[in-house]
Structures are given as C-alpha cells and as structure tokens.
C-alpha cells in the first residue's frame, strides 16, 4: 500500500520574517543606543527578505491577473 503525497498550499513567511526583524532590531538597537532607527531598518530588511521568499514560493499579495 502506497501513500499519496499531498502538496499543500504554500504559506507566507513574511510575518515571521518581520517579527524576527523586530526582535533582532530591538536587541541591536539597545546595544547601539539608537533603538528606533535600527529597529526600523532591520524590520524593513526582514519584510524585504520575507517578500522575496514568498515571491519565490508563488504567494501573491492582491489580485491575480
């Protein structure tokens, strides 16, 4: 008896990357005494990385054409 493999829908990793960026930015910002600027930069970088991963996995944000 063989098992059929089911391919599930790809899930977005954008929110996870943004959250990881927030916590890394919080730690680095506290170390560098510039909390808001460093946190903003790292969260934006996390969002960019998450978007690129989602784009590679075929996840779209908005309507499909």
PDB file of N, CA and C in Angstrom:
ATOM      1  N   UNK A   1       0.841  -1.164   0.000  1.00  0.00           N
ATOM      2  CA  UNK A   1       0.000   0.000   0.000  1.00  0.00           C
ATOM      3  C   UNK A   1       0.901   1.247   0.000  1.00  0.00           C
ATOM      4  N   UNK A   2       0.661   2.122  -0.937  1.00  0.00           N
ATOM      5  CA  UNK A   2       1.450   3.347  -1.012  1.00  0.00           C
ATOM      6  C   UNK A   2       0.614   4.526  -0.548  1.00  0.00           C
ATOM      7  N   UNK A   3       1.307   5.471  -0.060  1.00  0.00           N
ATOM      8  CA  UNK A   3       0.643   6.693   0.390  1.00  0.00           C
ATOM      9  C   UNK A   3       0.780   7.767  -0.673  1.00  0.00           C
ATOM     10  N   UNK A   4      -0.300   8.442  -0.951  1.00  0.00           N
ATOM     11  CA  UNK A   4      -0.235   9.546  -1.896  1.00  0.00           C
ATOM     12  C   UNK A   4       0.289  10.784  -1.166  1.00  0.00           C
ATOM     13  N   UNK A   5       1.187  11.459  -1.816  1.00  0.00           N
ATOM     14  CA  UNK A   5       1.689  12.692  -1.201  1.00  0.00           C
ATOM     15  C   UNK A   5       0.812  13.851  -1.654  1.00  0.00           C
ATOM     16  N   UNK A   6       0.424  14.628  -0.709  1.00  0.00           N
ATOM     17  CA  UNK A   6      -0.383  15.805  -0.999  1.00  0.00           C
ATOM     18  C   UNK A   6       0.488  17.033  -0.866  1.00  0.00           C
ATOM     19  N   UNK A   7       0.442  17.855  -1.860  1.00  0.00           N
ATOM     20  CA  UNK A   7       1.170  19.112  -1.784  1.00  0.00           C
ATOM     21  C   UNK A   7       0.214  20.181  -1.273  1.00  0.00           C
ATOM     22  N   UNK A   8       0.531  20.723  -0.125  1.00  0.00           N
ATOM     23  CA  UNK A   8      -0.318  21.744   0.467  1.00  0.00           C
ATOM     24  C   UNK A   8      -0.042  23.115  -0.125  1.00  0.00           C
ATOM     25  N   UNK A   9      -0.883  24.048   0.250  1.00  0.00           N
ATOM     26  CA  UNK A   9      -0.688  25.413  -0.205  1.00  0.00           C
ATOM     27  C   UNK A   9       0.568  25.991   0.441  1.00  0.00           C
ATOM     28  N   UNK A  10       1.311  26.798  -0.296  1.00  0.00           N
ATOM     29  CA  UNK A  10       2.462  27.454   0.345  1.00  0.00           C
ATOM     30  C   UNK A  10       1.992  28.492   1.356  1.00  0.00           C
ATOM     31  N   UNK A  11       2.687  28.594   2.446  1.00  0.00           N
ATOM     32  CA  UNK A  11       2.318  29.555   3.483  1.00  0.00           C
ATOM     33  C   UNK A  11       3.285  30.730   3.456  1.00  0.00           C
ATOM     34  N   UNK A  12       2.770  31.868   3.805  1.00  0.00           N
ATOM     35  CA  UNK A  12       3.560  33.090   3.796  1.00  0.00           C
ATOM     36  C   UNK A  12       4.529  33.118   4.971  1.00  0.00           C
ATOM     37  N   UNK A  13       5.746  33.556   4.714  1.00  0.00           N
ATOM     38  CA  UNK A  13       6.739  33.699   5.777  1.00  0.00           C
ATOM     39  C   UNK A  13       7.039  35.173   6.055  1.00  0.00           C
ATOM     40  N   UNK A  14       6.307  36.064   5.393  1.00  0.00           N
ATOM     41  CA  UNK A  14       6.551  37.493   5.561  1.00  0.00           C
ATOM     42  C   UNK A  14       6.351  37.945   7.001  1.00  0.00           C
ATOM     43  N   UNK A  15       5.278  37.504   7.635  1.00  0.00           N
ATOM     44  CA  UNK A  15       5.002  37.923   9.013  1.00  0.00           C
ATOM     45  C   UNK A  15       6.073  37.403   9.966  1.00  0.00           C
ATOM     46  N   UNK A  16       6.536  36.185   9.734  1.00  0.00           N
ATOM     47  CA  UNK A  16       7.578  35.622  10.595  1.00  0.00           C
ATOM     48  C   UNK A  16       8.888  36.395  10.435  1.00  0.00           C
ATOM     49  N   UNK A  17       9.233  36.735   9.205  1.00  0.00           N
ATOM     50  CA  UNK A  17      10.472  37.489   8.972  1.00  0.00           C
ATOM     51  C   UNK A  17      10.390  38.891   9.579  1.00  0.00           C
ATOM     52  N   UNK A  18       9.226  39.518   9.499  1.00  0.00           N
ATOM     53  CA  UNK A  18       9.064  40.845  10.099  1.00  0.00           C
ATOM     54  C   UNK A  18       9.162  40.770  11.619  1.00  0.00           C
ATOM     55  N   UNK A  19       8.609  39.724  12.215  1.00  0.00           N
ATOM     56  CA  UNK A  19       8.679  39.560  13.671  1.00  0.00           C
ATOM     57  C   UNK A  19      10.104  39.292  14.123  1.00  0.00           C
ATOM     58  N   UNK A  20      10.809  38.450  13.399  1.00  0.00           N
ATOM     59  CA  UNK A  20      12.216  38.182  13.721  1.00  0.00           C
ATOM     60  C   UNK A  20      13.033  39.460  13.576  1.00  0.00           C
ATOM     61  N   UNK A  21      12.757  40.233  12.534  1.00  0.00           N
ATOM     62  CA  UNK A  21      13.440  41.507  12.353  1.00  0.00           C
ATOM     63  C   UNK A  21      13.168  42.481  13.486  1.00  0.00           C
ATOM     64  N   UNK A  22      11.934  42.472  13.995  1.00  0.00           N
ATOM     65  CA  UNK A  22      11.593  43.340  15.118  1.00  0.00           C
ATOM     66  C   UNK A  22      12.427  43.002  16.347  1.00  0.00           C
ATOM     67  N   UNK A  23      12.503  41.713  16.671  1.00  0.00           N
ATOM     68  CA  UNK A  23      13.238  41.325  17.876  1.00  0.00           C
ATOM     69  C   UNK A  23      14.753  41.493  17.712  1.00  0.00           C
ATOM     70  N   UNK A  24      15.266  41.218  16.538  1.00  0.00           N
ATOM     71  CA  UNK A  24      16.696  41.462  16.304  1.00  0.00           C
ATOM     72  C   UNK A  24      16.983  42.960  16.355  1.00  0.00           C
ATOM     73  N   UNK A  25      16.094  43.757  15.752  1.00  0.00           N
ATOM     74  CA  UNK A  25      16.268  45.212  15.786  1.00  0.00           C
ATOM     75  C   UNK A  25      16.160  45.768  17.190  1.00  0.00           C
ATOM     76  N   UNK A  26      15.303  45.182  18.001  1.00  0.00           N
ATOM     77  CA  UNK A  26      15.176  45.616  19.386  1.00  0.00           C
ATOM     78  C   UNK A  26      16.476  45.378  20.149  1.00  0.00           C
ATOM     79  N   UNK A  27      17.057  44.208  19.953  1.00  0.00           N
ATOM     80  CA  UNK A  27      18.316  43.890  20.635  1.00  0.00           C
ATOM     81  C   UNK A  27      19.484  44.714  20.128  1.00  0.00           C
ATOM     82  N   UNK A  28      19.611  44.818  18.807  1.00  0.00           N
ATOM     83  CA  UNK A  28      20.713  45.600  18.243  1.00  0.00           C
ATOM     84  C   UNK A  28      20.563  47.084  18.541  1.00  0.00           C
ATOM     85  N   UNK A  29      19.330  47.565  18.504  1.00  0.00           N
ATOM     86  CA  UNK A  29      19.099  48.976  18.794  1.00  0.00           C
ATOM     87  C   UNK A  29      19.442  49.328  20.224  1.00  0.00           C
ATOM     88  N   UNK A  30      19.165  48.427  21.145  1.00  0.00           N
ATOM     89  CA  UNK A  30      19.516  48.683  22.543  1.00  0.00           C
ATOM     90  C   UNK A  30      21.033  48.680  22.726  1.00  0.00           C
ATOM     91  N   UNK A  31      21.712  47.809  22.000  1.00  0.00           N
ATOM     92  CA  UNK A  31      23.174  47.771  22.100  1.00  0.00           C
ATOM     93  C   UNK A  31      23.825  49.001  21.477  1.00  0.00           C
ATOM     94  N   UNK A  32      23.209  49.523  20.417  1.00  0.00           N
ATOM     95  CA  UNK A  32      23.814  50.644  19.692  1.00  0.00           C
ATOM     96  C   UNK A  32      23.285  52.003  20.157  1.00  0.00           C
ATOM     97  N   UNK A  33      22.407  52.014  21.148  1.00  0.00           N
ATOM     98  CA  UNK A  33      21.817  53.247  21.693  1.00  0.00           C
ATOM     99  C   UNK A  33      21.075  54.064  20.640  1.00  0.00           C
ATOM    100  N   UNK A  34      20.482  53.376  19.674  1.00  0.00           N
ATOM    101  CA  UNK A  34      19.697  54.053  18.648  1.00  0.00           C
ATOM    102  C   UNK A  34      18.542  53.134  18.277  1.00  0.00           C
ATOM    103  N   UNK A  35      17.600  53.006  19.194  1.00  0.00           N
ATOM    104  CA  UNK A  35      16.582  51.967  19.114  1.00  0.00           C
ATOM    105  C   UNK A  35      15.677  52.094  17.897  1.00  0.00           C
ATOM    106  N   UNK A  36      15.057  53.244  17.689  1.00  0.00           N
ATOM    107  CA  UNK A  36      14.050  53.367  16.642  1.00  0.00           C
ATOM    108  C   UNK A  36      14.625  53.214  15.241  1.00  0.00           C
ATOM    109  N   UNK A  37      15.750  53.831  14.972  1.00  0.00           N
ATOM    110  CA  UNK A  37      16.334  53.782  13.634  1.00  0.00           C
ATOM    111  C   UNK A  37      16.778  52.370  13.280  1.00  0.00           C
ATOM    112  N   UNK A  38      17.494  51.718  14.175  1.00  0.00           N
ATOM    113  CA  UNK A  38      17.981  50.364  13.909  1.00  0.00           C
ATOM    114  C   UNK A  38      16.809  49.395  13.795  1.00  0.00           C
ATOM    115  N   UNK A  39      15.815  49.531  14.653  1.00  0.00           N
ATOM    116  CA  UNK A  39      14.662  48.640  14.600  1.00  0.00           C
ATOM    117  C   UNK A  39      13.905  48.823  13.289  1.00  0.00           C
ATOM    118  N   UNK A  40      13.721  50.048  12.841  1.00  0.00           N
ATOM    119  CA  UNK A  40      13.037  50.302  11.577  1.00  0.00           C
ATOM    120  C   UNK A  40      13.795  49.681  10.407  1.00  0.00           C
ATOM    121  N   UNK A  41      15.108  49.835  10.380  1.00  0.00           N
ATOM    122  CA  UNK A  41      15.918  49.294   9.282  1.00  0.00           C
ATOM    123  C   UNK A  41      15.861  47.769   9.255  1.00  0.00           C
ATOM    124  N   UNK A  42      15.978  47.136  10.414  1.00  0.00           N
ATOM    125  CA  UNK A  42      16.000  45.674  10.461  1.00  0.00           C
ATOM    126  C   UNK A  42      14.617  45.098  10.152  1.00  0.00           C
ATOM    127  N   UNK A  43      13.546  45.749  10.598  1.00  0.00           N
ATOM    128  CA  UNK A  43      12.198  45.268  10.272  1.00  0.00           C
ATOM    129  C   UNK A  43      11.951  45.407   8.770  1.00  0.00           C
ATOM    130  N   UNK A  44      12.383  46.510   8.179  1.00  0.00           N
ATOM    131  CA  UNK A  44      12.228  46.686   6.735  1.00  0.00           C
ATOM    132  C   UNK A  44      13.031  45.631   5.970  1.00  0.00           C
ATOM    133  N   UNK A  45      14.218  45.321   6.441  1.00  0.00           N
ATOM    134  CA  UNK A  45      15.032  44.283   5.815  1.00  0.00           C
ATOM    135  C   UNK A  45      14.367  42.916   5.953  1.00  0.00           C
ATOM    136  N   UNK A  46      13.789  42.632   7.114  1.00  0.00           N
ATOM    137  CA  UNK A  46      13.058  41.379   7.321  1.00  0.00           C
ATOM    138  C   UNK A  46      11.854  41.270   6.406  1.00  0.00           C
ATOM    139  N   UNK A  47      11.138  42.368   6.224  1.00  0.00           N
ATOM    140  CA  UNK A  47       9.980  42.359   5.321  1.00  0.00           C
ATOM    141  C   UNK A  47      10.415  42.124   3.879  1.00  0.00           C
ATOM    142  N   UNK A  48      11.511  42.727   3.484  1.00  0.00           N
ATOM    143  CA  UNK A  48      12.024  42.533   2.131  1.00  0.00           C
ATOM    144  C   UNK A  48      12.432  41.084   1.893  1.00  0.00           C
ATOM    145  N   UNK A  49      13.111  40.492   2.858  1.00  0.00           N
ATOM    146  CA  UNK A  49      13.516  39.088   2.731  1.00  0.00           C
ATOM    147  C   UNK A  49      12.290  38.183   2.694  1.00  0.00           C
ATOM    148  N   UNK A  50      11.321  38.437   3.562  1.00  0.00           N
ATOM    149  CA  UNK A  50      10.092  37.642   3.575  1.00  0.00           C
ATOM    150  C   UNK A  50       9.316  37.769   2.277  1.00  0.00           C
ATOM    151  N   UNK A  51       9.280  38.965   1.707  1.00  0.00           N
ATOM    152  CA  UNK A  51       8.588  39.171   0.440  1.00  0.00           C
ATOM    153  C   UNK A  51       9.268  38.403  -0.688  1.00  0.00           C
ATOM    154  N   UNK A  52      10.585  38.429  -0.702  1.00  0.00           N
ATOM    155  CA  UNK A  52      11.318  37.704  -1.744  1.00  0.00           C
ATOM    156  C   UNK A  52      11.111  36.197  -1.630  1.00  0.00           C
ATOM    157  N   UNK A  53      11.069  35.675  -0.416  1.00  0.00           N
ATOM    158  CA  UNK A  53      10.822  34.242  -0.225  1.00  0.00           C
ATOM    159  C   UNK A  53       9.408  33.895  -0.672  1.00  0.00           C
ATOM    160  N   UNK A  54       8.433  34.732  -0.317  1.00  0.00           N
ATOM    161  CA  UNK A  54       7.055  34.486  -0.727  1.00  0.00           C
ATOM    162  C   UNK A  54       6.904  34.568  -2.244  1.00  0.00           C
ATOM    163  N   UNK A  55       7.591  35.498  -2.856  1.00  0.00           N
ATOM    164  CA  UNK A  55       7.539  35.643  -4.310  1.00  0.00           C
ATOM    165  C   UNK A  55       8.103  34.390  -4.992  1.00  0.00           C
ATOM    166  N   UNK A  56       9.165  33.852  -4.424  1.00  0.00           N
ATOM    167  CA  UNK A  56       9.768  32.634  -4.957  1.00  0.00           C
ATOM    168  C   UNK A  56       8.827  31.440  -4.796  1.00  0.00           C
ATOM    169  N   UNK A  57       8.054  31.398  -3.714  1.00  0.00           N
ATOM    170  CA  UNK A  57       7.125  30.294  -3.457  1.00  0.00           C
ATOM    171  C   UNK A  57       5.786  30.471  -4.175  1.00  0.00           C
ATOM    172  N   UNK A  58       5.602  31.572  -4.867  1.00  0.00           N
ATOM    173  CA  UNK A  58       4.373  31.779  -5.649  1.00  0.00           C
ATOM    174  C   UNK A  58       3.230  32.385  -4.868  1.00  0.00           C
ATOM    175  N   UNK A  59       3.501  33.047  -3.771  1.00  0.00           N
ATOM    176  CA  UNK A  59       2.451  33.700  -2.988  1.00  0.00           C
ATOM    177  C   UNK A  59       2.316  35.136  -3.483  1.00  0.00           C
ATOM    178  N   UNK A  60       1.089  35.532  -3.784  1.00  0.00           N
ATOM    179  CA  UNK A  60       0.852  36.893  -4.270  1.00  0.00           C
ATOM    180  C   UNK A  60       0.093  37.676  -3.211  1.00  0.00           C
ATOM    181  N   UNK A  61       0.259  38.961  -3.225  1.00  0.00           N
ATOM    182  CA  UNK A  61      -0.468  39.859  -2.333  1.00  0.00           C
ATOM    183  C   UNK A  61      -1.350  40.749  -3.204  1.00  0.00           C
ATOM    184  N   UNK A  62      -2.612  40.422  -3.267  1.00  0.00           N
ATOM    185  CA  UNK A  62      -3.527  41.187  -4.097  1.00  0.00           C
ATOM    186  C   UNK A  62      -4.186  40.291  -5.121  1.00  0.00           C
ATOM    187  N   UNK A  63      -4.720  40.906  -6.142  1.00  0.00           N
ATOM    188  CA  UNK A  63      -5.436  40.146  -7.169  1.00  0.00           C
ATOM    189  C   UNK A  63      -4.470  39.485  -8.134  1.00  0.00           C
ATOM    190  N   UNK A  64      -4.879  38.333  -8.616  1.00  0.00           N
ATOM    191  CA  UNK A  64      -4.100  37.654  -9.649  1.00  0.00           C
ATOM    192  C   UNK A  64      -4.611  38.108 -11.009  1.00  0.00           C
ATOM    193  N   UNK A  65      -3.713  38.314 -11.915  1.00  0.00           N
ATOM    194  CA  UNK A  65      -4.091  38.772 -13.255  1.00  0.00           C
ATOM    195  C   UNK A  65      -4.112  37.630 -14.209  1.00  0.00           C
TER     196      UNK A  65
END
